[in-house]
Amino acid sequence: MKICIFIFFYIFSSIFYVLAKNNQVDNITAIVNDEIILNSDVNEILVFLKKSKKKFIIPLKSDFLKEKVLEKLIVDSLILQEANSKNINITKEQIDTVIKNIALKKHISVNHFKKQILLRNIKNPSYYDNFIKKIEILLKMKTIQDYELHKRINISEQEVNTIFKKLIKDNEKFKKINLSYILLPSFKQDSDNAVRNRIKIAENIVYKLKKGYDFEKLLIECEKNKSTFIVKKMFWKPLLDIQNSFFKTLNIFKKGQILGPIVGDKGLYILKVNDIHHKKENIVTEFYMQHCLIKPSVILTNTEAKKKIFNIYENIKKGIYTFDDAVKNLSDDYYSSNKKGDLGWISKESLGFDLNKKFLILDKNEISEPVKSNWGWHIFKILDRRQVDAFYKLKKNQAFNIVLNQKIISEKNHWIEDLKNTAYIEIIRS
């Protein structure tokens, strides 16, 4: 399994690829349409795997590993050919972005990174150009893959909700319940008549409780009659343990709930749910907002942008024009300005910058003083606010990503099979 995982990772991260080697006598290992895969292509990757110092269950010299590498090269060749047939071109800016990101992860400058690449093979002056070419190839492959999967993947709300419900159900394992109970104990020597009387007493108690009789008062009364009842008050217990003690399907869903009579190991139980604690609960405030944005730019410095937004703010306050007029005619957020600056529901945590205390206590339809963010200067208008459980939003996003990842794997496999079915592939055994 480890070998397969590493090969899968290598497909996306490796910069090795099928490059025909001119002026080199080499055995052909496979033919993929009008492209060839050489024995040296396979060996190049095997050398890379050996140098990576990964621990493999299967020896590096095994035929299985060679077959996996060859399979990878065939798939890569098919994907690249498909990209070329669709005339996908990669810009210099895209390649520069990849190089910048690599340098950033290494915590070095772009120039320093380029020097590192050149120093790896001083004797080969085209080494850096080949490195850039391999980045271009990988970007082509990623672009065509993203394009194809975007066409093929469709996720319905029903699919997300099915996974979401399962995730929420799994979370029930973390729920704790505060209970009180009245137990009518049973004994091995009980006669049938004693069992019937006990059931009748329990049913009468539940009937009284449903009619509004106070459970706490009943606990005190039962506690005095220790020959008939055992009472336990206000204790916390994991829901999973409660279900294991009684029924797996025991449905506890609200405070004040009365359950019973329930048959347990020690007799008949009548339970009251005093409190429910969700371990993962995380209540956050969301704001429904509009905004007017002024962005610093090449022709507008940050100081000038700040001066402009404060001028807009003062004019709105003086009634020279309305907030909606400012959004329509002055805001630099052209996308939201067509929707009166509508940003939808946003939590302060998701904004990406801190909001001051004055903002958090704004009344509905009140505008904020100018606020600075990474995007520029904002004036916000609060339309509404609500309390939501961030845990459930997180689980909904998690459910979507689970469905998405499942479909990416499935649809990619289908796409590759389609490419194979319409291609000429010949593997040449030595």
Protein backbone atom coordinates (compact mmCIF):
# COMPACT_ATOMS: atom_id res chain seq x y z
CA MET A 1 0.00 0.00 0.00
CA LYS A 2 2.86 2.40 0.83
CA ILE A 3 4.33 1.94 -2.64
CA CYS A 4 1.01 2.79 -4.31
CA ILE A 5 0.55 5.90 -2.17
CA PHE A 6 4.04 7.11 -3.04
CA ILE A 7 3.53 6.47 -6.75
CA PHE A 8 0.23 8.37 -6.57
CA PHE A 9 1.98 11.32 -4.86
CA TYR A 10 4.81 11.13 -7.40
CA ILE A 11 2.39 11.54 -10.31
CA PHE A 12 1.61 15.08 -9.13
CA SER A 13 4.92 16.12 -7.62
CA SER A 14 7.60 14.66 -9.89
CA ILE A 15 9.31 16.81 -12.48
CA PHE A 16 10.45 13.75 -14.43
CA TYR A 17 8.56 13.12 -17.61
CA VAL A 18 8.80 11.39 -20.97
CA LEU A 19 11.31 13.39 -23.01
CA ALA A 20 12.63 11.72 -26.17
CA LYS A 21 16.39 11.55 -25.98
CA ASN A 22 18.02 12.57 -29.20
CA ASN A 23 21.45 11.24 -30.05
CA GLN A 24 21.01 8.34 -27.65
CA VAL A 25 20.64 4.68 -28.47
CA ASP A 26 17.93 3.32 -26.16
CA ASN A 27 15.43 0.48 -26.07
CA ILE A 28 11.77 1.38 -26.67
CA THR A 29 9.60 0.15 -23.79
CA ALA A 30 6.20 1.35 -25.00
CA ILE A 31 4.48 3.15 -27.85
CA VAL A 32 1.61 5.51 -26.98
CA ASN A 33 -0.05 6.76 -30.18
CA ASP A 34 2.83 8.58 -31.95
CA GLU A 35 5.00 8.94 -28.83
CA ILE A 36 7.55 6.50 -27.43
CA ILE A 37 8.61 5.64 -23.90
CA LEU A 38 12.22 4.55 -23.55
CA ASN A 39 13.76 2.14 -21.11
CA SER A 40 15.85 5.05 -19.76
CA ASP A 41 12.63 6.94 -18.89
CA VAL A 42 11.62 4.10 -16.62
CA ASN A 43 15.10 3.81 -15.12
CA GLU A 44 15.25 7.55 -14.48
CA ILE A 45 12.24 7.34 -12.19
CA LEU A 46 13.53 4.18 -10.49
CA VAL A 47 16.77 6.05 -9.71
CA PHE A 48 14.72 8.93 -8.31
CA LEU A 49 12.79 6.53 -6.06
CA LYS A 50 16.03 4.97 -4.87
CA LYS A 51 17.54 8.38 -4.05
CA SER A 52 14.38 9.43 -2.20
CA LYS A 53 15.35 6.99 0.59
CA LYS A 54 11.75 5.92 1.09
CA LYS A 55 11.09 2.56 2.69
CA PHE A 56 9.24 0.22 0.36
CA ILE A 57 7.54 -3.06 1.15
CA ILE A 58 8.40 -4.17 -2.40
CA PRO A 59 12.11 -4.14 -3.47
CA LEU A 60 13.06 -1.34 -5.89
CA LYS A 61 14.28 -3.89 -8.43
CA SER A 62 10.98 -5.77 -8.54
CA ASP A 63 9.00 -6.10 -11.78
CA PHE A 64 5.90 -4.82 -9.97
CA LEU A 65 7.54 -1.44 -9.33
CA LYS A 66 8.71 -1.19 -12.93
CA GLU A 67 5.18 -1.96 -14.13
CA LYS A 68 3.78 0.82 -11.90
CA VAL A 69 6.33 3.31 -13.22
CA LEU A 70 5.59 2.33 -16.84
CA GLU A 71 1.85 2.64 -16.18
CA LYS A 72 2.44 6.15 -14.79
CA LEU A 73 4.47 7.17 -17.84
CA ILE A 74 1.78 5.87 -20.23
CA VAL A 75 -0.95 7.80 -18.40
CA ASP A 76 1.19 10.96 -18.32
CA SER A 77 1.85 10.63 -22.05
CA LEU A 78 -1.88 10.28 -22.78
CA ILE A 79 -2.74 13.31 -20.62
CA LEU A 80 -0.06 15.48 -22.23
CA GLN A 81 -1.14 14.43 -25.73
CA GLU A 82 -4.72 15.36 -24.83
CA ALA A 83 -3.54 18.77 -23.60
CA ASN A 84 -1.63 19.36 -26.84
CA SER A 85 -4.63 18.30 -28.94
CA LYS A 86 -6.71 20.94 -27.13
CA ASN A 87 -4.00 23.57 -27.86
CA ILE A 88 -3.44 24.33 -24.19
CA ASN A 89 -0.64 26.86 -23.77
CA ILE A 90 1.15 27.85 -20.58
CA THR A 91 2.26 31.46 -20.12
CA LYS A 92 5.57 32.67 -18.74
CA GLU A 93 3.64 34.29 -15.86
CA GLN A 94 2.21 30.89 -14.85
CA ILE A 95 5.68 29.32 -14.81
CA ASP A 96 7.10 32.29 -12.86
CA THR A 97 4.34 31.87 -10.28
CA VAL A 98 5.29 28.21 -9.75
CA ILE A 99 8.96 29.14 -9.33
CA LYS A 100 8.07 31.93 -6.87
CA ASN A 101 5.96 29.51 -4.82
CA ILE A 102 8.75 26.90 -4.73
CA ALA A 103 11.27 29.55 -3.64
CA LEU A 104 8.83 30.85 -1.01
CA LYS A 105 8.41 27.36 0.50
CA LYS A 106 12.19 27.01 0.62
CA HIS A 107 12.43 30.47 2.28
CA ILE A 108 14.87 31.73 -0.37
CA SER A 109 14.74 34.34 -3.13
CA VAL A 110 13.83 33.44 -6.72
CA ASN A 111 17.39 34.27 -7.87
CA HIS A 112 18.86 32.05 -5.17
CA PHE A 113 16.55 29.21 -6.24
CA LYS A 114 17.57 29.61 -9.90
CA LYS A 115 21.23 29.43 -8.89
CA GLN A 116 20.53 26.22 -6.98
CA ILE A 117 19.01 24.65 -10.11
CA LEU A 118 21.95 25.73 -12.29
CA LEU A 119 24.52 24.43 -9.78
CA ARG A 120 22.94 20.97 -9.79
CA ASN A 121 24.38 20.28 -13.22
CA ILE A 122 27.01 22.83 -14.20
CA LYS A 123 28.22 20.70 -17.11
CA ASN A 124 24.80 20.75 -18.78
CA PRO A 125 23.96 24.36 -19.87
CA SER A 126 20.41 23.36 -20.90
CA TYR A 127 19.59 21.87 -17.48
CA TYR A 128 17.63 24.93 -16.30
CA ASP A 129 15.73 25.15 -19.60
CA ASN A 130 14.75 21.47 -19.22
CA PHE A 131 13.62 22.18 -15.67
CA ILE A 132 11.36 25.00 -16.95
CA LYS A 133 10.10 22.72 -19.72
CA LYS A 134 9.11 20.08 -17.17
CA ILE A 135 7.19 22.69 -15.15
CA GLU A 136 5.38 23.71 -18.34
CA ILE A 137 4.48 20.07 -19.03
CA LEU A 138 3.11 19.55 -15.52
CA LEU A 139 1.04 22.74 -15.77
CA LYS A 140 -0.38 21.57 -19.10
CA MET A 141 -1.33 18.24 -17.56
CA LYS A 142 -2.95 19.92 -14.57
CA THR A 143 -4.86 22.38 -16.77
CA ILE A 144 -6.36 19.69 -19.02
CA GLN A 145 -7.16 17.53 -15.98
CA ASP A 146 -8.93 20.42 -14.20
CA TYR A 147 -10.84 21.22 -17.41
CA GLU A 148 -12.01 17.63 -17.92
CA LEU A 149 -12.96 17.03 -14.30
CA HIS A 150 -14.86 20.33 -14.14
CA LYS A 151 -17.00 19.09 -17.05
CA ARG A 152 -17.56 15.67 -15.53
CA ILE A 153 -18.13 16.39 -11.84
CA ASN A 154 -21.59 17.37 -10.66
CA ILE A 155 -22.38 17.39 -6.93
CA SER A 156 -25.98 17.44 -5.73
CA GLU A 157 -27.22 18.82 -2.42
CA GLN A 158 -28.63 15.36 -1.63
CA GLU A 159 -25.18 13.76 -1.92
CA VAL A 160 -23.67 16.34 0.43
CA ASN A 161 -26.52 15.98 2.93
CA THR A 162 -26.12 12.18 3.03
CA ILE A 163 -22.47 12.53 4.12
CA PHE A 164 -23.31 15.51 6.35
CA LYS A 165 -25.89 13.48 8.30
CA LYS A 166 -23.38 10.67 8.79
CA LEU A 167 -20.75 13.12 10.09
CA ILE A 168 -23.26 14.63 12.51
CA LYS A 169 -24.34 11.18 13.63
CA ASP A 170 -20.69 10.27 14.28
CA ASN A 171 -20.42 13.42 16.37
CA GLU A 172 -23.14 12.08 18.68
CA LYS A 173 -20.39 9.91 20.18
CA PHE A 174 -18.99 13.08 21.76
CA LYS A 175 -22.31 14.21 23.23
CA LYS A 176 -22.68 14.12 27.01
CA ILE A 177 -26.00 13.95 28.83
CA ASN A 178 -26.88 15.12 32.34
CA LEU A 179 -29.46 12.67 33.72
CA SER A 180 -31.54 11.90 36.75
CA TYR A 181 -33.36 8.60 37.06
CA ILE A 182 -35.77 6.55 39.11
CA LEU A 183 -35.02 2.82 39.10
CA LEU A 184 -37.48 0.09 40.05
CA PRO A 185 -34.99 -2.76 40.67
CA SER A 186 -35.70 -6.33 39.60
CA PHE A 187 -34.56 -9.57 41.31
CA LYS A 188 -34.09 -13.13 40.08
CA GLN A 189 -36.63 -14.49 42.56
CA ASP A 190 -39.40 -12.08 41.42
CA SER A 191 -42.72 -13.73 40.67
CA ASP A 192 -44.74 -12.92 37.55
CA ASN A 193 -47.12 -10.94 39.73
CA ALA A 194 -44.24 -8.84 41.15
CA VAL A 195 -42.99 -8.08 37.60
CA ARG A 196 -46.49 -6.99 36.50
CA ASN A 197 -46.87 -4.73 39.56
CA ARG A 198 -43.48 -3.12 38.90
CA ILE A 199 -44.42 -2.38 35.27
CA LYS A 200 -47.74 -0.90 36.39
CA ILE A 201 -46.04 1.39 38.95
CA ALA A 202 -43.52 2.58 36.32
CA GLU A 203 -46.28 3.29 33.78
CA ASN A 204 -48.25 5.28 36.38
CA ILE A 205 -45.16 7.38 37.18
CA VAL A 206 -44.59 8.20 33.48
CA TYR A 207 -48.30 9.05 33.11
CA LYS A 208 -48.09 11.52 36.03
CA LEU A 209 -44.96 13.13 34.58
CA LYS A 210 -46.58 13.58 31.17
CA LYS A 211 -49.51 15.26 32.88
CA GLY A 212 -47.09 17.83 34.31
CA TYR A 213 -46.05 16.39 37.67
CA ASP A 214 -42.69 17.81 38.79
CA PHE A 215 -39.86 15.30 38.33
CA GLU A 216 -37.74 16.81 41.12
CA LYS A 217 -40.62 16.47 43.56
CA LEU A 218 -41.14 12.88 42.44
CA LEU A 219 -37.43 12.14 43.04
CA ILE A 220 -37.77 13.29 46.67
CA GLU A 221 -40.88 11.13 47.18
CA CYS A 222 -39.27 8.03 45.66
CA GLU A 223 -36.05 8.56 47.60
CA LYS A 224 -38.02 8.08 50.85
CA ASN A 225 -39.27 4.68 49.67
CA LYS A 226 -35.93 2.86 49.35
CA SER A 227 -37.55 -0.59 49.40
CA THR A 228 -39.19 0.10 46.02
CA PHE A 229 -37.05 2.74 44.31
CA ILE A 230 -33.41 3.65 43.73
CA VAL A 231 -32.84 7.32 42.82
CA LYS A 232 -29.82 8.96 41.18
CA LYS A 233 -29.68 12.72 40.58
CA MET A 234 -27.83 15.04 38.19
CA PHE A 235 -24.95 13.01 36.74
CA TRP A 236 -23.11 13.36 33.41
CA LYS A 237 -22.69 10.37 31.11
CA PRO A 238 -21.59 10.03 27.43
CA LEU A 239 -24.53 9.34 25.12
CA LEU A 240 -22.69 6.33 23.72
CA ASP A 241 -22.49 4.77 27.21
CA ILE A 242 -26.19 5.47 27.81
CA GLN A 243 -27.10 3.78 24.53
CA ASN A 244 -24.88 0.80 25.38
CA SER A 245 -26.60 0.50 28.77
CA PHE A 246 -30.11 0.61 27.29
CA PHE A 247 -30.87 0.71 23.57
CA LYS A 248 -28.60 1.66 20.66
CA THR A 249 -31.49 3.63 19.14
CA LEU A 250 -32.31 5.59 22.30
CA ASN A 251 -33.16 9.06 20.98
CA ILE A 252 -32.15 11.88 23.32
CA PHE A 253 -32.69 15.23 21.64
CA LYS A 254 -33.82 17.93 24.13
CA LYS A 255 -33.56 19.18 27.70
CA GLY A 256 -36.43 18.18 30.00
CA GLN A 257 -37.18 15.04 27.98
CA ILE A 258 -38.71 12.11 29.91
CA LEU A 259 -37.73 8.61 28.79
CA GLY A 260 -39.21 5.37 30.00
CA PRO A 261 -40.08 2.99 31.32
CA ILE A 262 -36.87 1.48 29.88
CA VAL A 263 -35.72 -2.05 30.65
CA GLY A 264 -32.12 -2.11 31.88
CA ASP A 265 -29.83 -4.70 33.48
CA LYS A 266 -31.02 -3.77 36.97
CA GLY A 267 -34.72 -3.20 36.36
CA LEU A 268 -37.06 -0.52 34.99
CA TYR A 269 -35.67 3.01 34.53
CA ILE A 270 -37.48 6.34 34.19
CA LEU A 271 -35.03 8.98 32.97
CA LYS A 272 -35.08 12.75 32.79
CA VAL A 273 -32.67 14.69 30.50
CA ASN A 274 -31.45 17.68 32.54
CA ASP A 275 -28.90 19.01 30.06
CA ILE A 276 -27.07 18.15 26.82
CA HIS A 277 -23.48 19.13 26.13
CA HIS A 278 -22.17 19.07 22.55
CA LYS A 279 -18.42 18.80 22.76
CA LYS A 280 -17.87 20.36 19.36
CA GLU A 281 -20.42 23.19 19.64
CA ASN A 282 -18.99 26.57 18.62
CA ILE A 283 -21.47 29.42 18.35
CA VAL A 284 -20.30 32.41 16.26
CA THR A 285 -21.95 35.63 15.13
CA GLU A 286 -22.51 36.18 11.41
CA PHE A 287 -23.28 39.55 9.83
CA TYR A 288 -25.28 40.19 6.68
CA MET A 289 -23.40 43.13 5.18
CA GLN A 290 -22.93 45.56 2.33
CA HIS A 291 -19.73 47.48 1.76
CA CYS A 292 -18.17 50.32 -0.16
CA LEU A 293 -14.49 49.70 -1.00
CA ILE A 294 -11.69 52.05 -2.00
CA LYS A 295 -8.52 50.24 -3.13
CA PRO A 296 -4.98 51.65 -3.18
CA SER A 297 -3.51 51.34 -6.66
CA VAL A 298 -0.71 52.51 -8.93
CA ILE A 299 -2.41 55.91 -9.21
CA LEU A 300 -3.90 56.00 -5.68
CA THR A 301 -1.63 55.63 -2.64
CA ASN A 302 -2.84 54.12 0.64
CA THR A 303 -2.90 57.61 2.22
CA GLU A 304 -5.01 58.96 -0.64
CA ALA A 305 -7.34 55.92 -0.47
CA LYS A 306 -7.79 56.50 3.28
CA LYS A 307 -8.53 60.19 2.71
CA LYS A 308 -11.07 59.33 0.00
CA ILE A 309 -12.94 56.74 2.12
CA PHE A 310 -13.17 59.12 5.09
CA ASN A 311 -14.47 61.82 2.78
CA ILE A 312 -17.17 59.40 1.52
CA TYR A 313 -18.03 58.49 5.11
CA GLU A 314 -18.45 62.17 6.13
CA ASN A 315 -20.61 62.90 3.07
CA ILE A 316 -22.92 59.95 3.88
CA LYS A 317 -23.19 61.13 7.50
CA LYS A 318 -24.02 64.69 6.32
CA GLY A 319 -26.67 63.37 3.92
CA ILE A 320 -24.94 64.70 0.79
CA TYR A 321 -25.54 61.27 -0.76
CA THR A 322 -26.67 57.86 0.51
CA PHE A 323 -24.60 54.76 1.22
CA ASP A 324 -26.21 53.04 -1.82
CA ASP A 325 -25.20 56.00 -4.03
CA ALA A 326 -21.60 55.71 -2.77
CA VAL A 327 -21.52 51.97 -3.52
CA LYS A 328 -22.98 52.41 -7.00
CA ASN A 329 -20.79 55.34 -8.10
CA LEU A 330 -17.60 55.20 -6.01
CA SER A 331 -16.88 51.64 -4.83
CA ASP A 332 -13.86 49.85 -6.35
CA ASP A 333 -15.47 46.43 -5.76
CA TYR A 334 -17.14 46.31 -9.16
CA TYR A 335 -18.53 42.79 -8.63
CA SER A 336 -20.47 43.62 -5.44
CA SER A 337 -21.36 47.18 -6.51
CA ASN A 338 -23.78 45.69 -9.04
CA LYS A 339 -25.52 44.07 -6.05
CA LYS A 340 -25.52 47.24 -3.90
CA GLY A 341 -22.31 46.07 -2.25
CA ASP A 342 -23.98 42.88 -0.98
CA LEU A 343 -21.44 40.54 0.69
CA GLY A 344 -23.97 38.03 2.08
CA TRP A 345 -23.52 36.37 5.48
CA ILE A 346 -19.96 36.67 6.81
CA SER A 347 -18.48 35.88 10.22
CA LYS A 348 -15.83 38.22 11.60
CA GLU A 349 -13.46 35.21 11.74
CA SER A 350 -13.73 34.68 7.97
CA LEU A 351 -13.07 38.32 7.05
CA GLY A 352 -9.33 37.91 7.47
CA PHE A 353 -8.84 41.10 9.50
CA ASP A 354 -9.82 42.33 12.96
CA LEU A 355 -12.95 44.38 13.49
CA ASN A 356 -13.06 46.90 16.31
CA LYS A 357 -15.59 46.78 19.14
CA LYS A 358 -17.62 49.67 17.67
CA PHE A 359 -18.32 47.57 14.59
CA LEU A 360 -19.60 44.61 16.62
CA ILE A 361 -22.30 46.70 18.35
CA LEU A 362 -23.60 48.51 15.26
CA ASP A 363 -27.39 48.56 14.90
CA LYS A 364 -29.14 47.23 11.81
CA ASN A 365 -28.80 49.53 8.76
CA GLU A 366 -26.06 51.52 10.54
CA ILE A 367 -22.76 52.12 8.72
CA SER A 368 -19.31 51.61 10.21
CA GLU A 369 -16.44 54.02 10.35
CA PRO A 370 -13.83 53.25 7.63
CA VAL A 371 -12.06 49.93 8.25
CA LYS A 372 -8.66 48.88 6.81
CA SER A 373 -8.14 45.39 5.33
CA ASN A 374 -5.66 43.70 3.00
CA TRP A 375 -7.90 44.71 0.07
CA GLY A 376 -8.22 48.40 0.92
CA TRP A 377 -10.53 50.69 2.92
CA HIS A 378 -14.16 49.69 3.61
CA ILE A 379 -17.34 51.24 4.91
CA PHE A 380 -19.63 48.41 6.05
CA LYS A 381 -23.39 48.51 6.51
CA ILE A 382 -24.97 45.93 8.82
CA LEU A 383 -28.26 44.58 7.45
CA ASP A 384 -28.75 41.73 9.93
CA ARG A 385 -26.91 39.45 12.37
CA ARG A 386 -27.46 35.86 13.53
CA GLN A 387 -25.97 33.21 15.81
CA VAL A 388 -24.86 30.03 14.05
CA ASP A 389 -23.08 26.89 15.14
CA ALA A 390 -19.74 27.00 13.32
CA PHE A 391 -19.34 23.27 13.92
CA TYR A 392 -22.26 22.44 11.62
CA LYS A 393 -20.97 24.80 8.92
CA LEU A 394 -17.57 23.12 9.21
CA LYS A 395 -19.15 19.66 8.90
CA LYS A 396 -21.18 20.77 5.84
CA ASN A 397 -17.98 21.97 4.14
CA GLN A 398 -16.26 18.75 5.18
CA ALA A 399 -19.11 16.71 3.67
CA PHE A 400 -18.83 18.64 0.38
CA ASN A 401 -15.06 18.06 0.23
CA ILE A 402 -15.50 14.32 0.92
CA VAL A 403 -17.97 14.02 -1.98
CA LEU A 404 -15.73 16.17 -4.20
CA ASN A 405 -12.61 14.09 -3.49
CA GLN A 406 -14.51 10.85 -4.11
CA LYS A 407 -15.74 12.16 -7.46
CA ILE A 408 -12.32 13.51 -8.44
CA ILE A 409 -10.80 10.04 -7.98
CA SER A 410 -13.71 8.28 -9.70
CA GLU A 411 -14.02 10.67 -12.64
CA LYS A 412 -10.26 10.87 -13.18
CA ASN A 413 -10.15 7.06 -13.42
CA HIS A 414 -13.04 7.12 -15.92
CA TRP A 415 -11.34 9.85 -17.96
CA ILE A 416 -8.05 7.95 -18.09
CA GLU A 417 -9.87 4.77 -19.13
CA ASP A 418 -11.56 6.77 -21.92
CA LEU A 419 -8.14 8.02 -23.07
CA LYS A 420 -6.75 4.47 -23.03
CA ASN A 421 -9.73 3.05 -24.93
CA THR A 422 -9.25 5.51 -27.82
CA ALA A 423 -5.43 5.29 -27.92
CA TYR A 424 -2.92 2.95 -29.52
CA ILE A 425 -0.79 1.52 -26.74
CA GLU A 426 1.85 -1.16 -27.30
CA ILE A 427 4.14 -2.39 -24.53
CA ILE A 428 7.36 -3.91 -25.87
CA ARG A 429 8.79 -6.62 -23.66
CA SER A 430 12.56 -7.10 -23.84
